[in-house]
């Protein structure tokens, strides 16, 4: 290796630290302007002696980390009059212009507690539980679907009304079917209900919900 090649290697390494800054204090340090292993060049990194900190990197990456808990408090002074669903102005706001917002608890629970909780989606809302889903209201409960609404239970489906139970169909008679329709009326069971009928290779709604039980 020639002397010029060695000088070039040194110059290249020095250029990496051209803007490098580091200031060390007894329990933390502040660095910036240097290369990192996982991200682009560091812009501002405050790191404590126990590896907690606030970091910003080129490319728009920021990180806030604590080894145990992080607590964010706001709203000790009301941002507005406190009226309406929101109870005032935004005291804490999380906004993401591109990409997802991911809230993940690896080994414990996620709780939302408020006077009112509103969940709004421009497309879908999906609830998927490996165990139970339970709902309870102290007053009225209302579900409105502007298209189809399907309820399916692999075992029992029980509907109970304390005062009255009403089932109404606006456009046709109310269809009730049974799993023994095909056994006792194999030739004309599909005439009992349109939910039995489907043109192959399509499945009837009854077959669709019962094929994997």
N, C-alpha and C. Protein backbone atom coordinates (compact mmCIF):
# COMPACT_ATOMS: atom_id res chain seq x y z
N UNK A 1 0.84 -1.19 0.00
CA UNK A 1 0.00 0.00 0.00
C UNK A 1 0.88 1.24 0.00
N UNK A 2 0.57 2.15 -0.90
CA UNK A 2 1.40 3.35 -1.03
C UNK A 2 1.02 4.37 0.02
N UNK A 3 1.89 5.36 0.15
CA UNK A 3 1.63 6.44 1.11
C UNK A 3 0.37 7.22 0.75
N UNK A 4 0.14 7.42 -0.56
CA UNK A 4 -1.03 8.16 -0.99
C UNK A 4 -2.33 7.40 -0.66
N UNK A 5 -2.28 6.08 -0.81
CA UNK A 5 -3.45 5.26 -0.47
C UNK A 5 -3.74 5.32 1.02
N UNK A 6 -2.69 5.32 1.82
CA UNK A 6 -2.88 5.43 3.27
C UNK A 6 -3.47 6.79 3.63
N UNK A 7 -2.96 7.86 2.98
CA UNK A 7 -3.49 9.20 3.23
C UNK A 7 -4.97 9.29 2.85
N UNK A 8 -5.35 8.65 1.76
CA UNK A 8 -6.74 8.67 1.31
C UNK A 8 -7.65 7.98 2.34
N UNK A 9 -7.20 6.84 2.84
CA UNK A 9 -7.99 6.13 3.86
C UNK A 9 -8.19 7.01 5.08
N UNK A 10 -7.12 7.69 5.50
CA UNK A 10 -7.21 8.56 6.67
C UNK A 10 -8.15 9.73 6.40
N UNK A 11 -8.04 10.33 5.19
CA UNK A 11 -8.92 11.45 4.83
C UNK A 11 -10.38 11.01 4.82
N UNK A 12 -10.65 9.84 4.25
CA UNK A 12 -12.03 9.34 4.20
C UNK A 12 -12.60 9.14 5.59
N UNK A 13 -11.78 8.60 6.48
CA UNK A 13 -12.25 8.38 7.85
C UNK A 13 -12.45 9.71 8.57
N UNK A 14 -11.56 10.68 8.33
CA UNK A 14 -11.69 11.99 8.96
C UNK A 14 -12.94 12.72 8.48
N UNK A 15 -13.28 12.53 7.20
CA UNK A 15 -14.47 13.20 6.67
C UNK A 15 -15.75 12.70 7.33
N UNK A 16 -15.75 11.45 7.76
CA UNK A 16 -16.91 10.91 8.45
C UNK A 16 -17.19 11.66 9.75
N UNK A 17 -16.12 12.20 10.35
CA UNK A 17 -16.24 12.88 11.64
C UNK A 17 -15.99 14.39 11.50
N UNK A 18 -16.20 14.91 10.28
CA UNK A 18 -15.95 16.33 10.04
C UNK A 18 -16.84 17.21 10.90
N UNK A 19 -18.11 16.79 11.12
CA UNK A 19 -19.04 17.56 11.94
C UNK A 19 -19.29 16.91 13.30
N UNK A 20 -18.45 15.97 13.67
CA UNK A 20 -18.69 15.22 14.89
C UNK A 20 -18.54 16.10 16.13
N UNK A 21 -19.51 15.89 17.06
CA UNK A 21 -19.48 16.64 18.32
C UNK A 21 -19.78 15.68 19.45
N UNK A 22 -19.06 15.83 20.56
CA UNK A 22 -19.32 15.00 21.73
C UNK A 22 -19.00 15.78 22.99
N UNK A 23 -19.97 15.77 23.88
CA UNK A 23 -19.77 16.43 25.18
C UNK A 23 -20.21 15.47 26.26
N UNK A 24 -19.32 15.16 27.17
CA UNK A 24 -19.59 14.16 28.20
C UNK A 24 -19.76 14.82 29.56
N UNK A 25 -20.80 14.35 30.28
CA UNK A 25 -21.10 14.81 31.63
C UNK A 25 -21.10 13.60 32.56
N UNK A 26 -21.16 13.82 33.86
CA UNK A 26 -21.05 12.67 34.79
C UNK A 26 -22.08 11.56 34.56
N UNK A 27 -23.31 11.90 34.18
CA UNK A 27 -24.35 10.87 34.05
C UNK A 27 -24.94 10.77 32.64
N UNK A 28 -24.50 11.61 31.70
CA UNK A 28 -25.01 11.53 30.34
C UNK A 28 -24.02 12.18 29.39
N UNK A 29 -24.27 11.97 28.08
CA UNK A 29 -23.44 12.60 27.07
C UNK A 29 -24.31 13.05 25.89
N UNK A 30 -23.84 14.06 25.17
CA UNK A 30 -24.51 14.58 23.99
C UNK A 30 -23.56 14.45 22.81
N UNK A 31 -24.02 13.79 21.75
CA UNK A 31 -23.19 13.61 20.56
C UNK A 31 -23.98 13.98 19.31
N UNK A 32 -23.28 14.18 18.21
CA UNK A 32 -23.92 14.48 16.94
C UNK A 32 -22.89 14.55 15.84
N UNK A 33 -23.37 14.43 14.59
CA UNK A 33 -22.48 14.59 13.44
C UNK A 33 -21.63 13.41 13.09
N UNK A 34 -21.87 12.25 13.72
CA UNK A 34 -21.04 11.09 13.43
C UNK A 34 -21.84 9.93 12.88
N UNK A 35 -21.17 8.92 12.31
CA UNK A 35 -21.86 7.75 11.75
C UNK A 35 -22.44 6.87 12.86
N UNK A 36 -23.46 6.09 12.51
CA UNK A 36 -24.07 5.15 13.45
C UNK A 36 -24.14 3.78 12.81
N UNK A 37 -24.33 2.75 13.62
CA UNK A 37 -24.37 1.39 13.11
C UNK A 37 -25.71 1.05 12.48
N UNK A 38 -26.82 1.55 13.03
CA UNK A 38 -28.15 1.13 12.57
C UNK A 38 -28.85 2.18 11.72
N UNK A 39 -28.43 3.45 11.80
CA UNK A 39 -29.14 4.52 11.10
C UNK A 39 -28.15 5.39 10.33
N UNK A 40 -28.70 6.44 9.74
CA UNK A 40 -27.83 7.39 9.07
C UNK A 40 -27.09 8.24 10.11
N UNK A 41 -26.40 9.26 9.64
CA UNK A 41 -25.58 10.07 10.53
C UNK A 41 -26.41 10.68 11.67
N UNK A 42 -25.85 10.67 12.86
CA UNK A 42 -26.53 11.22 14.02
C UNK A 42 -26.56 12.75 13.93
N UNK A 43 -27.71 13.32 14.25
CA UNK A 43 -27.83 14.78 14.32
C UNK A 43 -27.75 15.27 15.76
N UNK A 44 -28.49 14.59 16.65
CA UNK A 44 -28.46 14.95 18.07
C UNK A 44 -28.80 13.71 18.86
N UNK A 45 -27.92 13.30 19.74
CA UNK A 45 -28.14 12.11 20.56
C UNK A 45 -27.80 12.42 22.01
N UNK A 46 -28.82 12.40 22.86
CA UNK A 46 -28.62 12.55 24.29
C UNK A 46 -28.79 11.17 24.91
N UNK A 47 -27.73 10.64 25.51
CA UNK A 47 -27.75 9.28 26.04
C UNK A 47 -27.26 9.29 27.48
N UNK A 48 -28.01 8.61 28.36
CA UNK A 48 -27.63 8.55 29.76
C UNK A 48 -26.69 7.37 30.00
N UNK A 49 -26.12 7.31 31.20
CA UNK A 49 -25.18 6.23 31.50
C UNK A 49 -25.86 4.87 31.56
N UNK A 50 -27.19 4.84 31.69
CA UNK A 50 -27.92 3.57 31.69
C UNK A 50 -28.57 3.29 30.32
N UNK A 51 -28.07 3.96 29.27
CA UNK A 51 -28.52 3.75 27.88
C UNK A 51 -29.97 4.15 27.64
N UNK A 52 -30.43 5.18 28.32
CA UNK A 52 -31.71 5.79 28.02
C UNK A 52 -31.43 7.08 27.26
N UNK A 53 -32.41 7.58 26.48
CA UNK A 53 -32.09 8.81 25.80
C UNK A 53 -33.08 9.27 24.76
N UNK A 54 -32.69 10.36 24.11
CA UNK A 54 -33.43 10.98 23.03
C UNK A 54 -32.48 11.15 21.85
N UNK A 55 -32.81 10.51 20.71
CA UNK A 55 -31.91 10.50 19.56
C UNK A 55 -32.63 10.98 18.30
N UNK A 56 -31.91 11.75 17.48
CA UNK A 56 -32.39 12.14 16.16
C UNK A 56 -31.29 11.86 15.14
N UNK A 57 -31.70 11.27 14.00
CA UNK A 57 -30.75 10.90 12.95
C UNK A 57 -31.17 11.54 11.62
N UNK A 58 -30.21 11.68 10.72
CA UNK A 58 -30.54 12.16 9.39
C UNK A 58 -31.48 11.15 8.72
N UNK A 59 -32.33 11.65 7.83
CA UNK A 59 -33.33 10.79 7.22
C UNK A 59 -34.66 10.84 7.92
N UNK A 60 -34.74 11.61 9.03
CA UNK A 60 -36.02 11.79 9.70
C UNK A 60 -36.36 10.77 10.76
N UNK A 61 -35.38 10.11 11.36
CA UNK A 61 -35.64 9.10 12.39
C UNK A 61 -35.38 9.71 13.77
N UNK A 62 -36.34 9.53 14.66
CA UNK A 62 -36.19 9.99 16.04
C UNK A 62 -36.57 8.88 17.00
N UNK A 63 -35.91 8.82 18.14
CA UNK A 63 -36.17 7.76 19.11
C UNK A 63 -36.14 8.35 20.52
N UNK A 64 -37.08 7.88 21.34
CA UNK A 64 -37.13 8.23 22.76
C UNK A 64 -37.22 6.92 23.52
N UNK A 65 -36.29 6.68 24.40
CA UNK A 65 -36.26 5.39 25.08
C UNK A 65 -35.99 5.50 26.56
N UNK A 66 -36.73 4.65 27.33
CA UNK A 66 -36.50 4.54 28.77
C UNK A 66 -36.50 3.06 29.12
N UNK A 67 -35.72 2.68 30.09
CA UNK A 67 -35.60 1.27 30.44
C UNK A 67 -36.81 0.73 31.18
N UNK A 68 -37.61 1.61 31.78
CA UNK A 68 -38.75 1.13 32.56
C UNK A 68 -40.04 1.79 32.11
N UNK A 69 -40.26 3.05 32.39
CA UNK A 69 -41.51 3.71 32.03
C UNK A 69 -41.25 5.09 31.45
N UNK A 70 -42.20 5.56 30.62
CA UNK A 70 -42.21 6.92 30.12
C UNK A 70 -43.58 7.51 30.43
N UNK A 71 -43.63 8.67 31.01
CA UNK A 71 -44.88 9.31 31.37
C UNK A 71 -44.97 10.67 30.69
N UNK A 72 -46.06 10.90 29.97
CA UNK A 72 -46.31 12.17 29.30
C UNK A 72 -47.58 12.77 29.90
N UNK A 73 -47.50 13.97 30.41
CA UNK A 73 -48.65 14.63 31.02
C UNK A 73 -48.86 15.99 30.37
N UNK A 74 -50.12 16.34 30.22
CA UNK A 74 -50.48 17.65 29.67
C UNK A 74 -51.91 17.97 30.11
N UNK A 75 -52.34 19.20 29.84
CA UNK A 75 -53.71 19.59 30.12
C UNK A 75 -53.98 20.05 31.53
N UNK A 76 -52.93 20.34 32.30
CA UNK A 76 -53.15 20.86 33.64
C UNK A 76 -53.86 22.21 33.58
N UNK A 77 -53.64 22.93 32.50
CA UNK A 77 -54.40 24.14 32.19
C UNK A 77 -55.24 23.81 30.98
N UNK A 78 -56.57 23.96 31.06
CA UNK A 78 -57.47 23.57 29.99
C UNK A 78 -57.16 24.34 28.71
N UNK A 79 -57.00 23.64 27.56
CA UNK A 79 -56.71 24.33 26.30
C UNK A 79 -57.91 25.05 25.72
N UNK A 80 -59.14 24.76 26.23
CA UNK A 80 -60.33 25.51 25.80
C UNK A 80 -61.41 25.35 26.85
N UNK A 81 -62.69 25.54 26.46
CA UNK A 81 -63.75 25.58 27.44
C UNK A 81 -64.18 24.21 27.95
N UNK A 82 -63.70 23.11 27.35
CA UNK A 82 -64.03 21.79 27.85
C UNK A 82 -65.40 21.28 27.47
N UNK A 83 -66.07 21.90 26.52
CA UNK A 83 -67.41 21.48 26.12
C UNK A 83 -67.33 20.51 24.94
N UNK A 84 -68.40 19.70 24.78
CA UNK A 84 -68.50 18.82 23.63
C UNK A 84 -67.83 17.48 23.85
N UNK A 85 -67.83 16.66 22.81
CA UNK A 85 -67.30 15.30 22.90
C UNK A 85 -65.83 15.30 23.28
N UNK A 86 -65.08 16.20 22.72
CA UNK A 86 -63.64 16.21 22.97
C UNK A 86 -63.24 16.74 24.32
N UNK A 87 -64.13 17.41 24.99
CA UNK A 87 -63.81 17.95 26.31
C UNK A 87 -62.77 19.05 26.24
N UNK A 88 -62.74 19.83 25.18
CA UNK A 88 -61.76 20.90 25.04
C UNK A 88 -60.86 20.68 23.85
N UNK A 89 -59.80 21.48 23.78
CA UNK A 89 -58.85 21.35 22.68
C UNK A 89 -57.93 20.16 22.87
N UNK A 90 -57.02 19.98 21.93
CA UNK A 90 -56.08 18.86 21.99
C UNK A 90 -54.98 19.14 23.01
N UNK A 91 -54.96 18.36 24.08
CA UNK A 91 -53.89 18.48 25.06
C UNK A 91 -52.69 17.63 24.66
N UNK A 92 -52.94 16.44 24.12
CA UNK A 92 -51.90 15.57 23.59
C UNK A 92 -52.37 15.09 22.23
N UNK A 93 -51.54 15.23 21.21
CA UNK A 93 -51.92 14.86 19.85
C UNK A 93 -50.85 13.98 19.23
N UNK A 94 -51.27 12.83 18.69
CA UNK A 94 -50.39 11.95 17.93
C UNK A 94 -50.87 11.97 16.48
N UNK A 95 -50.03 12.35 15.57
CA UNK A 95 -50.43 12.45 14.17
C UNK A 95 -49.35 11.85 13.28
N UNK A 96 -49.77 11.02 12.34
CA UNK A 96 -48.85 10.38 11.40
C UNK A 96 -49.36 10.67 9.99
N UNK A 97 -48.57 11.38 9.19
CA UNK A 97 -49.00 11.75 7.84
C UNK A 97 -48.85 10.59 6.88
N UNK A 98 -47.79 9.82 6.99
CA UNK A 98 -47.56 8.65 6.15
C UNK A 98 -47.16 7.47 7.04
N UNK A 99 -47.64 6.28 6.67
CA UNK A 99 -47.29 5.10 7.45
C UNK A 99 -48.31 4.81 8.53
N UNK A 100 -48.00 3.83 9.35
CA UNK A 100 -48.92 3.36 10.39
C UNK A 100 -48.53 3.94 11.75
N UNK A 101 -49.49 3.88 12.66
CA UNK A 101 -49.22 4.10 14.09
C UNK A 101 -49.42 2.75 14.77
N UNK A 102 -48.38 2.23 15.41
CA UNK A 102 -48.41 0.91 16.02
C UNK A 102 -48.25 1.04 17.52
N UNK A 103 -49.23 0.53 18.26
CA UNK A 103 -49.16 0.48 19.72
C UNK A 103 -49.11 -0.99 20.10
N UNK A 104 -48.06 -1.40 20.78
CA UNK A 104 -47.83 -2.83 20.98
C UNK A 104 -47.38 -3.07 22.42
N UNK A 105 -48.15 -3.89 23.15
CA UNK A 105 -47.77 -4.31 24.50
C UNK A 105 -47.42 -5.79 24.44
N UNK A 106 -46.16 -6.14 24.64
CA UNK A 106 -45.71 -7.51 24.42
C UNK A 106 -46.27 -8.48 25.46
N UNK A 107 -46.34 -8.09 26.71
CA UNK A 107 -46.67 -9.07 27.75
C UNK A 107 -47.70 -8.56 28.74
N UNK A 108 -48.42 -7.49 28.41
CA UNK A 108 -49.43 -7.00 29.33
C UNK A 108 -50.60 -6.41 28.56
N UNK A 109 -51.37 -5.53 29.18
CA UNK A 109 -52.63 -5.06 28.63
C UNK A 109 -52.51 -3.66 28.04
N UNK A 110 -53.49 -3.29 27.23
CA UNK A 110 -53.63 -1.95 26.69
C UNK A 110 -54.98 -1.41 27.15
N UNK A 111 -54.99 -0.30 27.85
CA UNK A 111 -56.22 0.27 28.39
C UNK A 111 -56.44 1.68 27.87
N UNK A 112 -57.69 1.97 27.51
CA UNK A 112 -58.12 3.31 27.14
C UNK A 112 -59.22 3.73 28.09
N UNK A 113 -59.02 4.81 28.80
CA UNK A 113 -60.00 5.29 29.77
C UNK A 113 -60.29 6.76 29.49
N UNK A 114 -61.56 7.09 29.30
CA UNK A 114 -61.94 8.47 29.00
C UNK A 114 -63.43 8.65 29.26
N UNK A 115 -63.88 9.90 29.26
CA UNK A 115 -65.31 10.18 29.38
C UNK A 115 -66.07 9.60 28.20
N UNK A 116 -65.59 9.83 27.00
CA UNK A 116 -66.13 9.24 25.78
C UNK A 116 -64.95 8.75 24.94
N UNK A 117 -65.14 7.65 24.22
CA UNK A 117 -64.13 7.12 23.32
C UNK A 117 -64.77 6.97 21.94
N UNK A 118 -64.22 7.64 20.96
CA UNK A 118 -64.73 7.57 19.59
C UNK A 118 -63.68 6.93 18.69
N UNK A 119 -64.07 5.90 17.94
CA UNK A 119 -63.19 5.24 16.97
C UNK A 119 -63.81 5.43 15.59
N UNK A 120 -63.09 6.10 14.70
CA UNK A 120 -63.60 6.40 13.37
C UNK A 120 -62.60 5.92 12.33
N UNK A 121 -63.08 5.20 11.32
CA UNK A 121 -62.22 4.71 10.24
C UNK A 121 -62.86 5.03 8.91
N UNK A 122 -62.07 5.49 7.94
CA UNK A 122 -62.62 5.76 6.61
C UNK A 122 -62.94 4.46 5.88
N UNK A 123 -62.31 3.36 6.25
CA UNK A 123 -62.61 2.07 5.65
C UNK A 123 -63.12 1.08 6.70
N UNK A 124 -62.29 0.23 7.22
CA UNK A 124 -62.75 -0.87 8.06
C UNK A 124 -62.28 -0.71 9.51
N UNK A 125 -63.06 -1.31 10.42
CA UNK A 125 -62.67 -1.51 11.81
C UNK A 125 -62.72 -3.01 12.07
N UNK A 126 -61.62 -3.59 12.50
CA UNK A 126 -61.53 -5.04 12.68
C UNK A 126 -61.23 -5.34 14.15
N UNK A 127 -62.06 -6.18 14.76
CA UNK A 127 -61.83 -6.67 16.12
C UNK A 127 -61.52 -8.16 16.02
N UNK A 128 -60.36 -8.58 16.50
CA UNK A 128 -59.93 -9.97 16.38
C UNK A 128 -59.32 -10.38 17.72
N UNK A 129 -60.00 -11.28 18.42
CA UNK A 129 -59.54 -11.69 19.75
C UNK A 129 -59.30 -13.20 19.76
N UNK A 130 -58.20 -13.61 20.39
CA UNK A 130 -57.95 -15.03 20.55
C UNK A 130 -58.81 -15.65 21.62
N UNK A 131 -59.40 -14.81 22.49
CA UNK A 131 -60.30 -15.28 23.53
C UNK A 131 -61.69 -14.69 23.35
N UNK A 132 -62.18 -14.05 24.38
CA UNK A 132 -63.54 -13.52 24.37
C UNK A 132 -63.58 -12.06 23.93
N UNK A 133 -64.71 -11.65 23.37
CA UNK A 133 -65.03 -10.25 23.13
C UNK A 133 -66.31 -9.96 23.91
N UNK A 134 -66.24 -9.01 24.81
CA UNK A 134 -67.39 -8.68 25.65
C UNK A 134 -67.73 -7.20 25.52
N UNK A 135 -69.01 -6.91 25.47
CA UNK A 135 -69.47 -5.53 25.42
C UNK A 135 -70.61 -5.31 26.40
N UNK A 136 -70.65 -4.14 26.99
CA UNK A 136 -71.70 -3.83 27.97
C UNK A 136 -71.97 -2.34 27.94
N UNK A 137 -73.23 -1.97 27.91
CA UNK A 137 -73.60 -0.56 27.96
C UNK A 137 -74.61 -0.33 29.07
N UNK A 138 -74.52 0.83 29.69
CA UNK A 138 -75.45 1.17 30.76
C UNK A 138 -76.78 1.69 30.25
N UNK A 139 -76.86 1.97 28.95
CA UNK A 139 -78.10 2.46 28.35
C UNK A 139 -78.34 1.71 27.04
N UNK A 140 -78.66 2.41 25.97
CA UNK A 140 -78.99 1.76 24.70
C UNK A 140 -77.73 1.32 23.94
N UNK A 141 -77.88 0.25 23.15
CA UNK A 141 -76.83 -0.23 22.25
C UNK A 141 -77.43 -0.35 20.86
N UNK A 142 -76.76 0.19 19.87
CA UNK A 142 -77.31 0.22 18.52
C UNK A 142 -76.23 -0.13 17.50
N UNK A 143 -76.55 -1.07 16.61
CA UNK A 143 -75.68 -1.42 15.49
C UNK A 143 -76.47 -1.17 14.20
N UNK A 144 -75.93 -0.39 13.30
CA UNK A 144 -76.57 -0.10 12.03
C UNK A 144 -75.63 -0.48 10.89
N UNK A 145 -76.09 -1.33 9.97
CA UNK A 145 -75.31 -1.71 8.80
C UNK A 145 -76.04 -1.23 7.56
N UNK A 146 -75.37 -0.50 6.69
CA UNK A 146 -76.00 -0.02 5.46
C UNK A 146 -75.92 -1.06 4.34
N UNK A 147 -75.50 -2.27 4.69
CA UNK A 147 -75.54 -3.40 3.76
C UNK A 147 -75.91 -4.62 4.58
N UNK A 148 -75.24 -5.74 4.41
CA UNK A 148 -75.59 -6.96 5.13
C UNK A 148 -75.05 -6.95 6.55
N UNK A 149 -75.73 -7.68 7.44
CA UNK A 149 -75.28 -7.91 8.81
C UNK A 149 -75.42 -9.39 9.09
N UNK A 150 -74.31 -10.04 9.43
CA UNK A 150 -74.32 -11.49 9.68
C UNK A 150 -73.87 -11.76 11.11
N UNK A 151 -74.60 -12.64 11.80
CA UNK A 151 -74.23 -13.12 13.13
C UNK A 151 -74.07 -14.62 13.04
N UNK A 152 -72.96 -15.16 13.47
CA UNK A 152 -72.70 -16.59 13.35
C UNK A 152 -72.06 -17.09 14.63
N UNK A 153 -72.59 -18.20 15.17
CA UNK A 153 -72.03 -18.84 16.35
C UNK A 153 -71.82 -20.31 16.05
N UNK A 154 -70.64 -20.84 16.36
CA UNK A 154 -70.37 -22.25 16.07
C UNK A 154 -71.13 -23.18 17.01
N UNK A 155 -71.59 -22.65 18.15
CA UNK A 155 -72.39 -23.46 19.07
C UNK A 155 -73.76 -22.82 19.26
N UNK A 156 -73.99 -22.13 20.34
CA UNK A 156 -75.32 -21.60 20.62
C UNK A 156 -75.40 -20.11 20.28
N UNK A 157 -76.56 -19.70 19.75
CA UNK A 157 -76.87 -18.30 19.53
C UNK A 157 -78.17 -18.01 20.25
N UNK A 158 -78.12 -17.18 21.28
CA UNK A 158 -79.28 -16.93 22.14
C UNK A 158 -79.60 -15.45 22.12
N UNK A 159 -80.87 -15.13 21.87
CA UNK A 159 -81.34 -13.75 21.86
C UNK A 159 -82.42 -13.62 22.92
N UNK A 160 -82.28 -12.70 23.82
CA UNK A 160 -83.23 -12.54 24.92
C UNK A 160 -83.65 -11.08 25.04
N UNK A 161 -84.92 -10.83 25.19
CA UNK A 161 -85.43 -9.49 25.42
C UNK A 161 -86.24 -9.43 26.69
N UNK A 162 -85.97 -8.46 27.54
CA UNK A 162 -86.68 -8.37 28.81
C UNK A 162 -88.14 -8.02 28.66
N UNK A 163 -88.48 -7.16 27.71
CA UNK A 163 -89.87 -6.75 27.49
C UNK A 163 -90.43 -7.31 26.19
N UNK A 164 -89.67 -7.20 25.10
CA UNK A 164 -90.17 -7.65 23.81
C UNK A 164 -89.00 -7.95 22.89
N UNK A 165 -89.24 -8.83 21.91
CA UNK A 165 -88.29 -9.14 20.85
C UNK A 165 -89.01 -8.98 19.52
N UNK A 166 -88.49 -8.15 18.64
CA UNK A 166 -89.11 -7.94 17.34
C UNK A 166 -88.15 -8.26 16.22
N UNK A 167 -88.63 -9.03 15.25
CA UNK A 167 -87.85 -9.34 14.05
C UNK A 167 -88.70 -8.94 12.86
N UNK A 168 -88.19 -8.06 12.03
CA UNK A 168 -88.99 -7.51 10.93
C UNK A 168 -88.19 -7.57 9.64
N UNK A 169 -88.85 -7.97 8.55
CA UNK A 169 -88.24 -7.96 7.22
C UNK A 169 -89.10 -7.07 6.33
N UNK A 170 -88.53 -6.04 5.77
CA UNK A 170 -89.27 -5.06 4.98
C UNK A 170 -89.66 -5.58 3.60
N UNK A 171 -88.79 -6.39 2.96
CA UNK A 171 -89.02 -6.73 1.57
C UNK A 171 -89.55 -8.12 1.32
N UNK A 172 -89.57 -9.00 2.32
CA UNK A 172 -89.98 -10.39 2.08
C UNK A 172 -90.43 -10.99 3.40
N UNK A 173 -90.86 -12.25 3.34
CA UNK A 173 -91.20 -12.95 4.57
C UNK A 173 -89.93 -13.25 5.36
N UNK A 174 -90.10 -13.56 6.61
CA UNK A 174 -88.97 -13.92 7.46
C UNK A 174 -88.65 -15.40 7.23
N UNK A 175 -87.41 -15.70 6.90
CA UNK A 175 -86.98 -17.06 6.58
C UNK A 175 -86.39 -17.72 7.82
N UNK A 176 -86.89 -18.87 8.18
CA UNK A 176 -86.27 -19.68 9.23
C UNK A 176 -85.96 -21.05 8.64
N UNK A 177 -84.76 -21.53 8.87
CA UNK A 177 -84.32 -22.81 8.31
C UNK A 177 -83.70 -23.66 9.41
N UNK A 178 -83.46 -24.93 9.08
CA UNK A 178 -82.89 -25.87 10.04
C UNK A 178 -81.86 -26.74 9.34
N UNK A 179 -80.95 -27.28 10.11
CA UNK A 179 -79.93 -28.16 9.56
C UNK A 179 -80.47 -29.49 9.08
N UNK A 180 -81.71 -29.83 9.45
CA UNK A 180 -82.30 -31.10 9.01
C UNK A 180 -83.17 -30.92 7.78
N UNK A 181 -83.21 -29.71 7.21
CA UNK A 181 -84.02 -29.49 6.01
C UNK A 181 -83.59 -30.40 4.86
N UNK A 182 -82.29 -30.52 4.65
CA UNK A 182 -81.80 -31.34 3.54
C UNK A 182 -82.09 -32.82 3.75
N UNK A 183 -82.16 -33.26 5.02
CA UNK A 183 -82.43 -34.67 5.31
C UNK A 183 -83.89 -35.02 5.05
N UNK A 184 -84.81 -34.19 5.54
CA UNK A 184 -86.23 -34.51 5.43
C UNK A 184 -86.86 -33.98 4.15
N UNK A 185 -86.21 -33.04 3.47
CA UNK A 185 -86.74 -32.52 2.21
C UNK A 185 -85.61 -32.33 1.22
N UNK A 186 -84.95 -33.42 0.81
CA UNK A 186 -83.77 -33.29 -0.06
C UNK A 186 -84.08 -32.71 -1.43
N UNK A 187 -85.29 -32.88 -1.91
CA UNK A 187 -85.63 -32.44 -3.27
C UNK A 187 -86.06 -30.98 -3.35
N UNK A 188 -86.55 -30.44 -2.26
CA UNK A 188 -87.09 -29.09 -2.34
C UNK A 188 -86.76 -28.22 -1.12
N UNK A 189 -85.71 -28.63 -0.36
CA UNK A 189 -85.36 -27.85 0.83
C UNK A 189 -84.91 -26.44 0.47
N UNK A 190 -84.31 -26.28 -0.73
CA UNK A 190 -83.83 -24.96 -1.10
C UNK A 190 -84.97 -24.00 -1.40
N UNK A 191 -86.18 -24.52 -1.49
CA UNK A 191 -87.34 -23.65 -1.66
C UNK A 191 -87.83 -23.04 -0.37
N UNK A 192 -87.32 -23.56 0.76
CA UNK A 192 -87.71 -23.00 2.04
C UNK A 192 -87.19 -21.58 2.22
N UNK A 193 -85.98 -21.36 1.71
CA UNK A 193 -85.33 -20.07 1.95
C UNK A 193 -84.31 -19.80 0.86
N UNK A 194 -84.20 -18.53 0.50
CA UNK A 194 -83.17 -18.13 -0.47
C UNK A 194 -81.77 -18.29 0.10
N UNK A 195 -81.66 -18.41 1.41
CA UNK A 195 -80.35 -18.59 2.02
C UNK A 195 -79.81 -19.99 1.78
N UNK A 196 -80.69 -20.94 1.40
CA UNK A 196 -80.25 -22.28 1.02
C UNK A 196 -79.72 -22.30 -0.41
N UNK A 197 -80.22 -21.40 -1.25
CA UNK A 197 -80.00 -21.48 -2.68
C UNK A 197 -78.75 -20.72 -3.09
N UNK A 198 -78.00 -21.30 -4.02
CA UNK A 198 -76.84 -20.63 -4.61
C UNK A 198 -76.50 -21.33 -5.90
N UNK A 199 -76.03 -20.57 -6.86
CA UNK A 199 -75.65 -21.14 -8.15
C UNK A 199 -74.20 -21.61 -8.10
N UNK A 200 -73.92 -22.91 -8.38
CA UNK A 200 -72.52 -23.37 -8.37
C UNK A 200 -71.67 -22.54 -9.32
N UNK A 201 -70.39 -22.31 -9.00
CA UNK A 201 -69.67 -22.84 -7.83
C UNK A 201 -69.84 -22.01 -6.56
N UNK A 202 -70.75 -21.06 -6.54
CA UNK A 202 -70.98 -20.26 -5.35
C UNK A 202 -71.62 -21.12 -4.26
N UNK A 203 -71.40 -20.75 -3.02
CA UNK A 203 -71.99 -21.45 -1.89
C UNK A 203 -73.15 -20.64 -1.34
N UNK A 204 -74.13 -21.34 -0.81
CA UNK A 204 -75.19 -20.63 -0.10
C UNK A 204 -74.62 -20.04 1.18
N UNK A 205 -75.31 -19.05 1.70
CA UNK A 205 -74.83 -18.43 2.94
C UNK A 205 -74.84 -19.45 4.08
N UNK A 206 -75.81 -20.34 4.10
CA UNK A 206 -75.88 -21.36 5.15
C UNK A 206 -74.67 -22.29 5.06
N UNK A 207 -74.34 -22.74 3.85
CA UNK A 207 -73.17 -23.62 3.67
C UNK A 207 -71.88 -22.89 4.03
N UNK A 208 -71.79 -21.63 3.63
CA UNK A 208 -70.58 -20.86 3.87
C UNK A 208 -70.25 -20.78 5.36
N UNK A 209 -71.26 -20.52 6.19
CA UNK A 209 -71.01 -20.34 7.62
C UNK A 209 -70.91 -21.66 8.39
N UNK A 210 -71.30 -22.78 7.77
CA UNK A 210 -71.29 -24.04 8.50
C UNK A 210 -70.30 -25.06 7.96
N UNK A 211 -69.58 -24.77 6.88
CA UNK A 211 -68.72 -25.77 6.28
C UNK A 211 -67.51 -26.13 7.14
N UNK A 212 -67.02 -25.21 7.98
CA UNK A 212 -65.80 -25.47 8.77
C UNK A 212 -66.09 -25.75 10.23
N UNK A 213 -67.32 -26.03 10.58
CA UNK A 213 -67.65 -26.25 11.99
C UNK A 213 -67.50 -27.72 12.36
